[in-house]
Amino acid sequence: MTWVSLILWTSSCFYVTEAERAARWDADGDGVERPADCDDADVARAVLRTFYADADGDSYGDPAMPTVACHAPEGFVEDDSDCDDTDDATHPGASERCDGVDNDCDRALDEDLSLLTWYEDADGDGHGSLTSTERACGRPDGYTPSSGDCDDTDPSVHPDADEICNGIDDNCADGIDDADPRVVLLTWYVDVDGDGYGADGSSLQACEPPVTGTWVVEGGDCAPQDPAVHPGAEELCNGIDDDCDLQTDVDATDATRYYVDDDGDGYGDPLRSVDLCPQPLDSGDTGLGDPCDRPPDGASCSPSDCDDGLASVNPGAPEICDNGIDDDCDTQFDELPCDD
């Protein structure tokens, strides 16, 4: 082979046509050759791109979490405009809600929503002051939609309060006590015996008591002529309803502790007791004397009966021999010898 033939043969080994070159270096025909093409099998993937983590799955990525790849890794997207990647309801295109959050990621809060007027409610009574307001679509902390509070330091004073006789405009209606037709008037009772309680049948309603006589705001006196008898008085064993509770000698402070005597032998069961007033001896009984001399029926002052079901068994009964019973309640059985 001549040197001319050798040159021609060698040149033919290294010569590549355009079609062959394209097949070798740009297999997908996208015009980007290897190694610049990051995926030569996909015409849509020619160069490396930046993707962003989409933690909340709303198809919008966190711009602070990028990665570079030819294809989007799982959990990554190309959009980097999510302003809160922990909330799938917050992203560009979302509806703005009245919640103090930038729901649509436009760097504005609660825009294009209807704003309401809220009134500061310092005393927490549900009504605010006209002098301290705030405009917002949602209720700010410490504010209320209701105004008209004329004293926002007192929770008992507001437009829904009852007007009472106290020298204060309780319901903020520019009227104090009797000057307000809605006032809740006090009931006054005449107190004849001076015990602080009046008879229910002698009363009137007003903010202030009449200038004549003795009037009190406590009624219920069942004995208006007796200063010792009135609601709250001490109930005593005297046959009188001292505290005007429609019960006589019930829960008396000087009641006697009696014990239940079911068998009527004059001795009571130590495990069953009741506090009662003694029985009157006759119609002229003054309540003096020993209450144990006049116990109520079925009761006794003695808590020493060892068997309240047998009248023959009590501390005063004789011991009967050989009957297997502690007749006299001395904790001994048949302690006496039996005669033959």
C-alpha atoms as a PDB file:
ATOM      1  CA  MET A   1       0.000   0.000   0.000  1.00  0.00           C
ATOM      2  CA  THR A   2       1.301   3.312  -1.008  1.00  0.00           C
ATOM      3  CA  TRP A   3       1.373   6.177   1.479  1.00  0.00           C
ATOM      4  CA  VAL A   4      -1.400   7.920  -0.456  1.00  0.00           C
ATOM      5  CA  SER A   5      -3.633   4.862  -0.110  1.00  0.00           C
ATOM      6  CA  LEU A   6      -2.801   4.699   3.640  1.00  0.00           C
ATOM      7  CA  ILE A   7      -3.841   8.295   4.183  1.00  0.00           C
ATOM      8  CA  LEU A   8      -7.110   7.772   2.405  1.00  0.00           C
ATOM      9  CA  TRP A   9      -7.804   4.563   4.393  1.00  0.00           C
ATOM     10  CA  THR A  10      -6.989   6.201   7.741  1.00  0.00           C
ATOM     11  CA  SER A  11      -9.154   9.237   7.040  1.00  0.00           C
ATOM     12  CA  SER A  12     -12.114   7.034   6.212  1.00  0.00           C
ATOM     13  CA  CYS A  13     -11.893   5.430   9.720  1.00  0.00           C
ATOM     14  CA  PHE A  14     -12.384   8.782  11.561  1.00  0.00           C
ATOM     15  CA  TYR A  15     -14.896  10.471   9.306  1.00  0.00           C
ATOM     16  CA  VAL A  16     -18.454  10.658  10.849  1.00  0.00           C
ATOM     17  CA  THR A  17     -21.496  11.862   8.991  1.00  0.00           C
ATOM     18  CA  GLU A  18     -23.947  14.327  10.549  1.00  0.00           C
ATOM     19  CA  ALA A  19     -26.570  11.604  10.908  1.00  0.00           C
ATOM     20  CA  GLU A  20     -24.065   9.350  12.676  1.00  0.00           C
ATOM     21  CA  ARG A  21     -22.990  12.166  14.979  1.00  0.00           C
ATOM     22  CA  ALA A  22     -26.590  13.008  15.856  1.00  0.00           C
ATOM     23  CA  ALA A  23     -27.339   9.355  16.599  1.00  0.00           C
ATOM     24  CA  ARG A  24     -24.290   9.139  18.900  1.00  0.00           C
ATOM     25  CA  TRP A  25     -24.471  12.480  20.774  1.00  0.00           C
ATOM     26  CA  ASP A  26     -28.112  13.611  20.559  1.00  0.00           C
ATOM     27  CA  ALA A  27     -30.208  10.468  20.729  1.00  0.00           C
ATOM     28  CA  ASP A  28     -33.498  12.257  21.593  1.00  0.00           C
ATOM     29  CA  GLY A  29     -32.972  14.843  18.838  1.00  0.00           C
ATOM     30  CA  ASP A  30     -33.645  17.815  21.087  1.00  0.00           C
ATOM     31  CA  GLY A  31     -30.606  19.679  19.712  1.00  0.00           C
ATOM     32  CA  VAL A  32     -28.627  19.381  22.957  1.00  0.00           C
ATOM     33  CA  GLU A  33     -25.734  16.943  22.754  1.00  0.00           C
ATOM     34  CA  ARG A  34     -24.202  14.926  25.499  1.00  0.00           C
ATOM     35  CA  PRO A  35     -22.852  15.601  28.055  1.00  0.00           C
ATOM     36  CA  ALA A  36     -24.797  18.882  28.214  1.00  0.00           C
ATOM     37  CA  ASP A  37     -28.081  16.943  27.849  1.00  0.00           C
ATOM     38  CA  CYS A  38     -28.885  15.519  31.341  1.00  0.00           C
ATOM     39  CA  ASP A  39     -31.363  12.989  29.861  1.00  0.00           C
ATOM     40  CA  ASP A  40     -30.659  12.122  26.232  1.00  0.00           C
ATOM     41  CA  ALA A  41     -33.640   9.763  26.176  1.00  0.00           C
ATOM     42  CA  ASP A  42     -36.230  12.492  26.912  1.00  0.00           C
ATOM     43  CA  VAL A  43     -36.683  15.374  24.522  1.00  0.00           C
ATOM     44  CA  ALA A  44     -38.354  17.387  27.362  1.00  0.00           C
ATOM     45  CA  ARG A  45     -35.384  16.972  29.689  1.00  0.00           C
ATOM     46  CA  ALA A  46     -32.360  18.624  28.140  1.00  0.00           C
ATOM     47  CA  VAL A  47     -30.772  20.584  30.983  1.00  0.00           C
ATOM     48  CA  LEU A  48     -30.649  20.385  34.788  1.00  0.00           C
ATOM     49  CA  ARG A  49     -33.416  22.304  36.537  1.00  0.00           C
ATOM     50  CA  THR A  50     -34.187  23.502  40.062  1.00  0.00           C
ATOM     51  CA  PHE A  51     -37.035  21.866  41.991  1.00  0.00           C
ATOM     52  CA  TYR A  52     -38.496  22.833  45.403  1.00  0.00           C
ATOM     53  CA  ALA A  53     -39.743  20.708  48.279  1.00  0.00           C
ATOM     54  CA  ASP A  54     -43.553  20.458  48.507  1.00  0.00           C
ATOM     55  CA  ALA A  55     -44.057  19.143  52.054  1.00  0.00           C
ATOM     56  CA  ASP A  56     -47.797  19.837  52.235  1.00  0.00           C
ATOM     57  CA  GLY A  57     -48.616  18.377  48.809  1.00  0.00           C
ATOM     58  CA  ASP A  58     -50.393  21.452  47.427  1.00  0.00           C
ATOM     59  CA  SER A  59     -48.219  21.502  44.243  1.00  0.00           C
ATOM     60  CA  TYR A  60     -46.418  24.658  45.390  1.00  0.00           C
ATOM     61  CA  GLY A  61     -42.845  24.421  46.650  1.00  0.00           C
ATOM     62  CA  ASP A  62     -40.871  26.019  49.465  1.00  0.00           C
ATOM     63  CA  PRO A  63     -38.359  28.488  47.958  1.00  0.00           C
ATOM     64  CA  ALA A  64     -36.019  27.817  50.873  1.00  0.00           C
ATOM     65  CA  MET A  65     -35.778  24.095  50.017  1.00  0.00           C
ATOM     66  CA  PRO A  66     -34.358  23.780  46.440  1.00  0.00           C
ATOM     67  CA  THR A  67     -32.607  20.908  44.728  1.00  0.00           C
ATOM     68  CA  VAL A  68     -31.089  20.621  41.207  1.00  0.00           C
ATOM     69  CA  ALA A  69     -31.962  17.583  39.083  1.00  0.00           C
ATOM     70  CA  CYS A  70     -32.896  16.501  35.613  1.00  0.00           C
ATOM     71  CA  HIS A  71     -36.213  15.080  36.830  1.00  0.00           C
ATOM     72  CA  ALA A  72     -38.306  16.256  39.823  1.00  0.00           C
ATOM     73  CA  PRO A  73     -37.539  14.050  42.856  1.00  0.00           C
ATOM     74  CA  GLU A  74     -40.523  12.687  44.782  1.00  0.00           C
ATOM     75  CA  GLY A  75     -42.051  15.445  46.888  1.00  0.00           C
ATOM     76  CA  PHE A  76     -40.525  18.252  44.802  1.00  0.00           C
ATOM     77  CA  VAL A  77     -42.110  20.630  42.280  1.00  0.00           C
ATOM     78  CA  GLU A  78     -40.887  23.399  39.974  1.00  0.00           C
ATOM     79  CA  ASP A  79     -43.099  26.122  41.489  1.00  0.00           C
ATOM     80  CA  ASP A  80     -41.342  27.955  44.351  1.00  0.00           C
ATOM     81  CA  SER A  81     -44.145  30.323  45.431  1.00  0.00           C
ATOM     82  CA  ASP A  82     -45.541  28.570  48.537  1.00  0.00           C
ATOM     83  CA  CYS A  83     -45.394  30.896  51.567  1.00  0.00           C
ATOM     84  CA  ASP A  84     -46.331  28.157  54.067  1.00  0.00           C
ATOM     85  CA  ASP A  85     -45.313  24.663  53.076  1.00  0.00           C
ATOM     86  CA  THR A  86     -46.873  23.169  56.221  1.00  0.00           C
ATOM     87  CA  ASP A  87     -50.460  24.101  55.263  1.00  0.00           C
ATOM     88  CA  ASP A  88     -51.970  22.730  52.053  1.00  0.00           C
ATOM     89  CA  ALA A  89     -54.699  25.420  52.213  1.00  0.00           C
ATOM     90  CA  THR A  90     -52.113  28.187  51.955  1.00  0.00           C
ATOM     91  CA  HIS A  91     -50.602  28.779  48.505  1.00  0.00           C
ATOM     92  CA  PRO A  92     -50.938  31.101  45.502  1.00  0.00           C
ATOM     93  CA  GLY A  93     -54.465  30.923  44.136  1.00  0.00           C
ATOM     94  CA  ALA A  94     -56.045  29.879  47.442  1.00  0.00           C
ATOM     95  CA  SER A  95     -59.094  31.775  48.696  1.00  0.00           C
ATOM     96  CA  GLU A  96     -58.321  34.434  51.278  1.00  0.00           C
ATOM     97  CA  ARG A  97     -60.068  33.698  54.562  1.00  0.00           C
ATOM     98  CA  CYS A  98     -60.724  35.905  57.569  1.00  0.00           C
ATOM     99  CA  ASP A  99     -58.183  34.283  59.855  1.00  0.00           C
ATOM    100  CA  GLY A 100     -55.216  36.636  60.077  1.00  0.00           C
ATOM    101  CA  VAL A 101     -53.209  34.432  57.661  1.00  0.00           C
ATOM    102  CA  ASP A 102     -51.878  35.247  54.193  1.00  0.00           C
ATOM    103  CA  ASN A 103     -53.799  32.377  52.597  1.00  0.00           C
ATOM    104  CA  ASP A 104     -53.024  33.286  48.951  1.00  0.00           C
ATOM    105  CA  CYS A 105     -49.362  34.186  49.521  1.00  0.00           C
ATOM    106  CA  ASP A 106     -49.675  37.724  48.207  1.00  0.00           C
ATOM    107  CA  ARG A 107     -48.075  39.234  51.328  1.00  0.00           C
ATOM    108  CA  ALA A 108     -51.390  40.760  52.504  1.00  0.00           C
ATOM    109  CA  LEU A 109     -53.658  39.559  55.320  1.00  0.00           C
ATOM    110  CA  ASP A 110     -57.433  39.230  54.968  1.00  0.00           C
ATOM    111  CA  GLU A 111     -57.524  41.611  51.995  1.00  0.00           C
ATOM    112  CA  ASP A 112     -60.702  42.114  49.986  1.00  0.00           C
ATOM    113  CA  LEU A 113     -62.829  40.837  52.886  1.00  0.00           C
ATOM    114  CA  SER A 114     -65.609  42.778  54.606  1.00  0.00           C
ATOM    115  CA  LEU A 115     -64.239  44.651  57.618  1.00  0.00           C
ATOM    116  CA  LEU A 116     -66.347  44.952  60.756  1.00  0.00           C
ATOM    117  CA  THR A 117     -66.127  47.370  63.665  1.00  0.00           C
ATOM    118  CA  TRP A 118     -65.138  45.800  66.991  1.00  0.00           C
ATOM    119  CA  TYR A 119     -65.323  47.469  70.399  1.00  0.00           C
ATOM    120  CA  GLU A 120     -62.822  46.951  73.194  1.00  0.00           C
ATOM    121  CA  ASP A 121     -64.413  45.050  76.101  1.00  0.00           C
ATOM    122  CA  ALA A 122     -62.086  45.725  79.038  1.00  0.00           C
ATOM    123  CA  ASP A 123     -64.400  44.353  81.744  1.00  0.00           C
ATOM    124  CA  GLY A 124     -65.484  41.235  79.819  1.00  0.00           C
ATOM    125  CA  ASP A 125     -69.238  41.826  80.088  1.00  0.00           C
ATOM    126  CA  GLY A 126     -69.870  41.340  76.354  1.00  0.00           C
ATOM    127  CA  HIS A 127     -70.274  45.052  75.581  1.00  0.00           C
ATOM    128  CA  GLY A 128     -67.525  47.435  74.468  1.00  0.00           C
ATOM    129  CA  SER A 129     -66.711  51.090  74.632  1.00  0.00           C
ATOM    130  CA  LEU A 130     -67.458  53.431  71.728  1.00  0.00           C
ATOM    131  CA  THR A 131     -64.174  55.245  72.349  1.00  0.00           C
ATOM    132  CA  SER A 132     -61.940  52.245  71.603  1.00  0.00           C
ATOM    133  CA  THR A 133     -62.607  50.429  68.336  1.00  0.00           C
ATOM    134  CA  GLU A 134     -60.803  48.352  65.732  1.00  0.00           C
ATOM    135  CA  ARG A 135     -61.688  47.443  62.134  1.00  0.00           C
ATOM    136  CA  ALA A 136     -61.103  43.830  61.157  1.00  0.00           C
ATOM    137  CA  CYS A 137     -62.927  40.978  59.441  1.00  0.00           C
ATOM    138  CA  GLY A 138     -62.392  38.703  62.445  1.00  0.00           C
ATOM    139  CA  ARG A 139     -62.886  39.419  66.137  1.00  0.00           C
ATOM    140  CA  PRO A 140     -59.659  40.624  67.781  1.00  0.00           C
ATOM    141  CA  ASP A 141     -58.839  39.396  71.280  1.00  0.00           C
ATOM    142  CA  GLY A 142     -60.533  41.487  73.943  1.00  0.00           C
ATOM    143  CA  TYR A 143     -63.066  43.007  71.545  1.00  0.00           C
ATOM    144  CA  THR A 144     -66.803  42.484  71.026  1.00  0.00           C
ATOM    145  CA  PRO A 145     -69.307  43.393  68.266  1.00  0.00           C
ATOM    146  CA  SER A 146     -71.629  45.011  70.828  1.00  0.00           C
ATOM    147  CA  SER A 147     -71.086  48.611  71.940  1.00  0.00           C
ATOM    148  CA  GLY A 148     -72.848  50.943  74.354  1.00  0.00           C
ATOM    149  CA  ASP A 149     -70.999  50.127  77.584  1.00  0.00           C
ATOM    150  CA  CYS A 150     -71.067  53.313  79.665  1.00  0.00           C
ATOM    151  CA  ASP A 151     -68.590  51.928  82.235  1.00  0.00           C
ATOM    152  CA  ASP A 152     -66.135  49.461  80.731  1.00  0.00           C
ATOM    153  CA  THR A 153     -64.427  48.975  84.099  1.00  0.00           C
ATOM    154  CA  ASP A 154     -67.487  47.421  85.790  1.00  0.00           C
ATOM    155  CA  PRO A 155     -68.818  44.085  84.416  1.00  0.00           C
ATOM    156  CA  SER A 156     -72.178  44.635  86.151  1.00  0.00           C
ATOM    157  CA  VAL A 157     -72.835  47.819  84.136  1.00  0.00           C
ATOM    158  CA  HIS A 158     -73.822  47.345  80.470  1.00  0.00           C
ATOM    159  CA  PRO A 159     -76.893  47.761  78.178  1.00  0.00           C
ATOM    160  CA  ASP A 160     -78.348  44.342  79.089  1.00  0.00           C
ATOM    161  CA  ALA A 161     -78.042  44.793  82.871  1.00  0.00           C
ATOM    162  CA  ASP A 162     -81.048  45.260  85.145  1.00  0.00           C
ATOM    163  CA  GLU A 163     -81.465  48.748  86.509  1.00  0.00           C
ATOM    164  CA  ILE A 164     -81.511  48.389  90.289  1.00  0.00           C
ATOM    165  CA  CYS A 165     -81.771  50.778  93.188  1.00  0.00           C
ATOM    166  CA  ASN A 166     -78.109  51.575  93.794  1.00  0.00           C
ATOM    167  CA  GLY A 167     -77.497  55.106  92.544  1.00  0.00           C
ATOM    168  CA  ILE A 168     -75.833  53.828  89.329  1.00  0.00           C
ATOM    169  CA  ASP A 169     -76.973  53.839  85.696  1.00  0.00           C
ATOM    170  CA  ASP A 170     -76.687  50.036  85.510  1.00  0.00           C
ATOM    171  CA  ASN A 171     -78.141  49.590  82.014  1.00  0.00           C
ATOM    172  CA  CYS A 172     -76.519  52.637  80.382  1.00  0.00           C
ATOM    173  CA  ALA A 173     -79.904  54.162  79.528  1.00  0.00           C
ATOM    174  CA  ASP A 174     -79.176  57.640  80.918  1.00  0.00           C
ATOM    175  CA  GLY A 175     -81.515  57.023  83.838  1.00  0.00           C
ATOM    176  CA  ILE A 176     -80.614  56.256  87.458  1.00  0.00           C
ATOM    177  CA  ASP A 177     -82.869  54.214  89.749  1.00  0.00           C
ATOM    178  CA  ASP A 178     -86.427  55.621  89.770  1.00  0.00           C
ATOM    179  CA  ALA A 179     -85.654  57.806  86.757  1.00  0.00           C
ATOM    180  CA  ASP A 180     -85.489  54.648  84.618  1.00  0.00           C
ATOM    181  CA  PRO A 181     -88.907  53.029  84.028  1.00  0.00           C
ATOM    182  CA  ARG A 182     -87.211  49.624  83.784  1.00  0.00           C
ATOM    183  CA  VAL A 183     -85.765  49.795  87.302  1.00  0.00           C
ATOM    184  CA  VAL A 184     -86.151  46.714  89.498  1.00  0.00           C
ATOM    185  CA  LEU A 185     -87.670  48.209  92.639  1.00  0.00           C
ATOM    186  CA  LEU A 186     -86.990  47.005  96.167  1.00  0.00           C
ATOM    187  CA  THR A 187     -89.768  45.581  98.321  1.00  0.00           C
ATOM    188  CA  TRP A 188     -90.031  47.206 101.752  1.00  0.00           C
ATOM    189  CA  TYR A 189     -91.803  45.624 104.740  1.00  0.00           C
ATOM    190  CA  VAL A 190     -93.022  47.404 107.836  1.00  0.00           C
ATOM    191  CA  ASP A 191     -91.190  46.148 110.935  1.00  0.00           C
ATOM    192  CA  VAL A 192     -93.425  46.713 113.946  1.00  0.00           C
ATOM    193  CA  ASP A 193     -91.455  44.730 116.536  1.00  0.00           C
ATOM    194  CA  GLY A 194     -88.027  45.979 115.429  1.00  0.00           C
ATOM    195  CA  ASP A 195     -86.471  42.547 114.851  1.00  0.00           C
ATOM    196  CA  GLY A 196     -85.259  43.430 111.323  1.00  0.00           C
ATOM    197  CA  TYR A 197     -88.046  41.494 109.577  1.00  0.00           C
ATOM    198  CA  GLY A 198     -91.433  42.665 108.368  1.00  0.00           C
ATOM    199  CA  ALA A 199     -94.732  40.981 107.733  1.00  0.00           C
ATOM    200  CA  ASP A 200     -95.342  39.934 104.125  1.00  0.00           C
ATOM    201  CA  GLY A 201     -98.806  41.469 104.163  1.00  0.00           C
ATOM    202  CA  SER A 202     -97.498  44.991 104.858  1.00  0.00           C
ATOM    203  CA  SER A 203     -95.188  45.970 101.999  1.00  0.00           C
ATOM    204  CA  LEU A 204     -94.588  48.408  99.155  1.00  0.00           C
ATOM    205  CA  GLN A 205     -92.108  48.772  96.288  1.00  0.00           C
ATOM    206  CA  ALA A 206     -89.722  51.698  95.909  1.00  0.00           C
ATOM    207  CA  CYS A 207     -86.018  52.459  95.702  1.00  0.00           C
ATOM    208  CA  GLU A 208     -86.114  54.245  99.044  1.00  0.00           C
ATOM    209  CA  PRO A 209     -88.242  53.385 102.110  1.00  0.00           C
ATOM    210  CA  PRO A 210     -91.042  55.693 103.232  1.00  0.00           C
ATOM    211  CA  VAL A 211     -89.966  58.448 105.584  1.00  0.00           C
ATOM    212  CA  THR A 212     -92.437  57.376 108.255  1.00  0.00           C
ATOM    213  CA  GLY A 213     -92.318  54.126 110.240  1.00  0.00           C
ATOM    214  CA  THR A 214     -89.684  51.427 110.309  1.00  0.00           C
ATOM    215  CA  TRP A 215     -89.259  49.659 106.985  1.00  0.00           C
ATOM    216  CA  VAL A 216     -86.898  46.798 106.137  1.00  0.00           C
ATOM    217  CA  VAL A 217     -86.118  44.780 102.999  1.00  0.00           C
ATOM    218  CA  GLU A 218     -86.475  41.418 104.773  1.00  0.00           C
ATOM    219  CA  GLY A 219     -89.968  39.950 104.968  1.00  0.00           C
ATOM    220  CA  GLY A 220     -91.318  36.654 106.232  1.00  0.00           C
ATOM    221  CA  ASP A 221     -91.968  37.613 109.874  1.00  0.00           C
ATOM    222  CA  CYS A 222     -94.655  35.170 111.065  1.00  0.00           C
ATOM    223  CA  ALA A 223     -95.083  36.978 114.408  1.00  0.00           C
ATOM    224  CA  PRO A 224     -94.735  40.693 113.634  1.00  0.00           C
ATOM    225  CA  GLN A 225     -95.535  41.606 117.255  1.00  0.00           C
ATOM    226  CA  ASP A 226     -92.888  39.316 118.820  1.00  0.00           C
ATOM    227  CA  PRO A 227     -89.235  40.400 118.342  1.00  0.00           C
ATOM    228  CA  ALA A 228     -87.991  36.928 119.324  1.00  0.00           C
ATOM    229  CA  VAL A 229     -89.773  35.248 116.414  1.00  0.00           C
ATOM    230  CA  HIS A 230     -88.551  35.858 112.887  1.00  0.00           C
ATOM    231  CA  PRO A 231     -86.632  34.143 110.036  1.00  0.00           C
ATOM    232  CA  GLY A 232     -83.157  33.210 111.227  1.00  0.00           C
ATOM    233  CA  ALA A 233     -84.122  33.084 114.909  1.00  0.00           C
ATOM    234  CA  GLU A 234     -82.998  30.170 117.098  1.00  0.00           C
ATOM    235  CA  GLU A 235     -85.557  27.371 117.100  1.00  0.00           C
ATOM    236  CA  LEU A 236     -86.263  26.173 120.654  1.00  0.00           C
ATOM    237  CA  CYS A 237     -88.358  23.447 122.236  1.00  0.00           C
ATOM    238  CA  ASN A 238     -91.216  25.738 123.226  1.00  0.00           C
ATOM    239  CA  GLY A 239     -94.128  24.868 120.982  1.00  0.00           C
ATOM    240  CA  ILE A 240     -93.489  27.959 118.826  1.00  0.00           C
ATOM    241  CA  ASP A 241     -92.262  28.262 115.237  1.00  0.00           C
ATOM    242  CA  ASP A 242     -89.395  30.534 116.309  1.00  0.00           C
ATOM    243  CA  ASP A 243     -87.671  30.773 112.882  1.00  0.00           C
ATOM    244  CA  CYS A 244     -90.851  31.068 110.779  1.00  0.00           C
ATOM    245  CA  ASP A 245     -90.071  28.006 108.647  1.00  0.00           C
ATOM    246  CA  LEU A 246     -93.605  26.596 109.113  1.00  0.00           C
ATOM    247  CA  GLN A 247     -92.253  23.845 111.394  1.00  0.00           C
ATOM    248  CA  THR A 248     -92.541  23.913 115.165  1.00  0.00           C
ATOM    249  CA  ASP A 249     -89.767  22.527 117.389  1.00  0.00           C
ATOM    250  CA  VAL A 250     -88.038  20.903 114.390  1.00  0.00           C
ATOM    251  CA  ASP A 251     -84.214  21.087 114.498  1.00  0.00           C
ATOM    252  CA  ALA A 252     -84.403  22.912 117.822  1.00  0.00           C
ATOM    253  CA  THR A 253     -81.003  23.832 119.251  1.00  0.00           C
ATOM    254  CA  ASP A 254     -82.025  22.618 122.740  1.00  0.00           C
ATOM    255  CA  ALA A 255     -83.431  19.286 121.536  1.00  0.00           C
ATOM    256  CA  THR A 256     -82.701  16.151 123.569  1.00  0.00           C
ATOM    257  CA  ARG A 257     -80.828  13.116 122.263  1.00  0.00           C
ATOM    258  CA  TYR A 258     -83.253  10.169 122.433  1.00  0.00           C
ATOM    259  CA  TYR A 259     -82.731   6.549 121.436  1.00  0.00           C
ATOM    260  CA  VAL A 260     -85.240   4.435 119.535  1.00  0.00           C
ATOM    261  CA  ASP A 261     -87.241   2.154 121.845  1.00  0.00           C
ATOM    262  CA  ASP A 262     -89.123  -0.178 119.525  1.00  0.00           C
ATOM    263  CA  ASP A 263     -90.144  -2.690 122.203  1.00  0.00           C
ATOM    264  CA  GLY A 264     -91.432  -0.010 124.614  1.00  0.00           C
ATOM    265  CA  ASP A 265     -89.509  -1.274 127.625  1.00  0.00           C
ATOM    266  CA  GLY A 266     -88.129   2.172 128.496  1.00  0.00           C
ATOM    267  CA  TYR A 267     -84.630   1.431 127.211  1.00  0.00           C
ATOM    268  CA  GLY A 268     -83.353   2.510 123.797  1.00  0.00           C
ATOM    269  CA  ASP A 269     -81.118   1.049 121.093  1.00  0.00           C
ATOM    270  CA  PRO A 270     -77.622   2.643 121.457  1.00  0.00           C
ATOM    271  CA  LEU A 271     -77.066   2.456 117.697  1.00  0.00           C
ATOM    272  CA  ARG A 272     -80.208   4.415 116.752  1.00  0.00           C
ATOM    273  CA  SER A 273     -80.703   7.958 117.999  1.00  0.00           C
ATOM    274  CA  VAL A 274     -82.643  11.094 117.114  1.00  0.00           C
ATOM    275  CA  ASP A 275     -82.679  14.657 118.446  1.00  0.00           C
ATOM    276  CA  LEU A 276     -86.234  15.671 119.399  1.00  0.00           C
ATOM    277  CA  CYS A 277     -88.088  17.996 121.716  1.00  0.00           C
ATOM    278  CA  PRO A 278     -89.698  16.252 124.717  1.00  0.00           C
ATOM    279  CA  GLN A 279     -93.447  15.656 124.802  1.00  0.00           C
ATOM    280  CA  PRO A 280     -95.500  18.228 126.727  1.00  0.00           C
ATOM    281  CA  LEU A 281     -96.930  16.721 129.897  1.00  0.00           C
ATOM    282  CA  ASP A 282    -100.185  18.657 129.530  1.00  0.00           C
ATOM    283  CA  SER A 283    -101.605  21.731 127.851  1.00  0.00           C
ATOM    284  CA  GLY A 284    -100.027  23.972 130.479  1.00  0.00           C
ATOM    285  CA  ASP A 285     -96.536  22.451 130.256  1.00  0.00           C
ATOM    286  CA  THR A 286     -93.889  25.171 130.222  1.00  0.00           C
ATOM    287  CA  GLY A 287     -91.175  22.895 128.884  1.00  0.00           C
ATOM    288  CA  LEU A 288     -89.306  22.933 132.186  1.00  0.00           C
ATOM    289  CA  GLY A 289     -88.206  19.845 134.047  1.00  0.00           C
ATOM    290  CA  ASP A 290     -86.331  16.724 133.050  1.00  0.00           C
ATOM    291  CA  PRO A 291     -86.928  15.922 129.344  1.00  0.00           C
ATOM    292  CA  CYS A 292     -86.262  12.255 130.083  1.00  0.00           C
ATOM    293  CA  ASP A 293     -89.462  12.202 132.133  1.00  0.00           C
ATOM    294  CA  ARG A 294     -91.483  12.907 128.986  1.00  0.00           C
ATOM    295  CA  PRO A 295     -89.784  11.286 125.972  1.00  0.00           C
ATOM    296  CA  PRO A 296     -91.602  11.119 122.623  1.00  0.00           C
ATOM    297  CA  ASP A 297     -93.472   7.931 121.865  1.00  0.00           C
ATOM    298  CA  GLY A 298     -91.084   5.097 120.917  1.00  0.00           C
ATOM    299  CA  ALA A 299     -88.035   6.844 122.379  1.00  0.00           C
ATOM    300  CA  SER A 300     -85.932   6.724 125.536  1.00  0.00           C
ATOM    301  CA  CYS A 301     -83.089   8.666 127.087  1.00  0.00           C
ATOM    302  CA  SER A 302     -81.345   5.401 127.978  1.00  0.00           C
ATOM    303  CA  PRO A 303     -79.109   3.884 125.261  1.00  0.00           C
ATOM    304  CA  SER A 304     -78.624   0.583 127.140  1.00  0.00           C
ATOM    305  CA  ASP A 305     -81.050  -1.946 125.596  1.00  0.00           C
ATOM    306  CA  CYS A 306     -79.153  -4.966 124.286  1.00  0.00           C
ATOM    307  CA  ASP A 307     -82.201  -6.347 122.416  1.00  0.00           C
ATOM    308  CA  ASP A 308     -84.721  -3.715 121.315  1.00  0.00           C
ATOM    309  CA  GLY A 309     -86.959  -6.389 119.855  1.00  0.00           C
ATOM    310  CA  LEU A 310     -87.823  -8.022 123.233  1.00  0.00           C
ATOM    311  CA  ALA A 311     -89.489  -5.988 125.985  1.00  0.00           C
ATOM    312  CA  SER A 312     -88.429  -8.635 128.504  1.00  0.00           C
ATOM    313  CA  VAL A 313     -84.747  -7.968 127.787  1.00  0.00           C
ATOM    314  CA  ASN A 314     -83.357  -4.729 129.238  1.00  0.00           C
ATOM    315  CA  PRO A 315     -81.055  -3.577 132.031  1.00  0.00           C
ATOM    316  CA  GLY A 316     -83.942  -3.608 134.555  1.00  0.00           C
ATOM    317  CA  ALA A 317     -85.230  -7.073 133.726  1.00  0.00           C
ATOM    318  CA  PRO A 318     -84.627 -10.061 136.049  1.00  0.00           C
ATOM    319  CA  GLU A 319     -82.197 -12.676 134.854  1.00  0.00           C
ATOM    320  CA  ILE A 320     -83.983 -15.931 134.115  1.00  0.00           C
ATOM    321  CA  CYS A 321     -81.940 -19.047 134.631  1.00  0.00           C
ATOM    322  CA  ASP A 322     -81.148 -21.538 131.954  1.00  0.00           C
ATOM    323  CA  ASN A 323     -82.796 -19.744 128.981  1.00  0.00           C
ATOM    324  CA  GLY A 324     -79.618 -18.826 127.116  1.00  0.00           C
ATOM    325  CA  ILE A 325     -80.516 -15.111 127.105  1.00  0.00           C
ATOM    326  CA  ASP A 326     -78.761 -12.143 128.716  1.00  0.00           C
ATOM    327  CA  ASP A 327     -82.052 -10.892 130.176  1.00  0.00           C
ATOM    328  CA  ASP A 328     -80.573  -7.961 132.142  1.00  0.00           C
ATOM    329  CA  CYS A 329     -78.062  -6.834 129.451  1.00  0.00           C
ATOM    330  CA  ASP A 330     -75.026  -7.256 131.734  1.00  0.00           C
ATOM    331  CA  THR A 331     -73.168  -9.323 129.110  1.00  0.00           C
ATOM    332  CA  GLN A 332     -73.566 -12.498 131.184  1.00  0.00           C
ATOM    333  CA  PHE A 333     -75.896 -15.392 130.463  1.00  0.00           C
ATOM    334  CA  ASP A 334     -77.746 -17.386 133.127  1.00  0.00           C
ATOM    335  CA  GLU A 335     -75.415 -16.199 135.869  1.00  0.00           C
ATOM    336  CA  LEU A 336     -77.949 -17.156 138.588  1.00  0.00           C
ATOM    337  CA  PRO A 337     -78.265 -20.811 139.675  1.00  0.00           C
ATOM    338  CA  CYS A 338     -81.532 -22.524 138.933  1.00  0.00           C
ATOM    339  CA  ASP A 339     -83.463 -24.171 141.803  1.00  0.00           C
ATOM    340  CA  ASP A 340     -84.017 -27.858 141.413  1.00  0.00           C
END
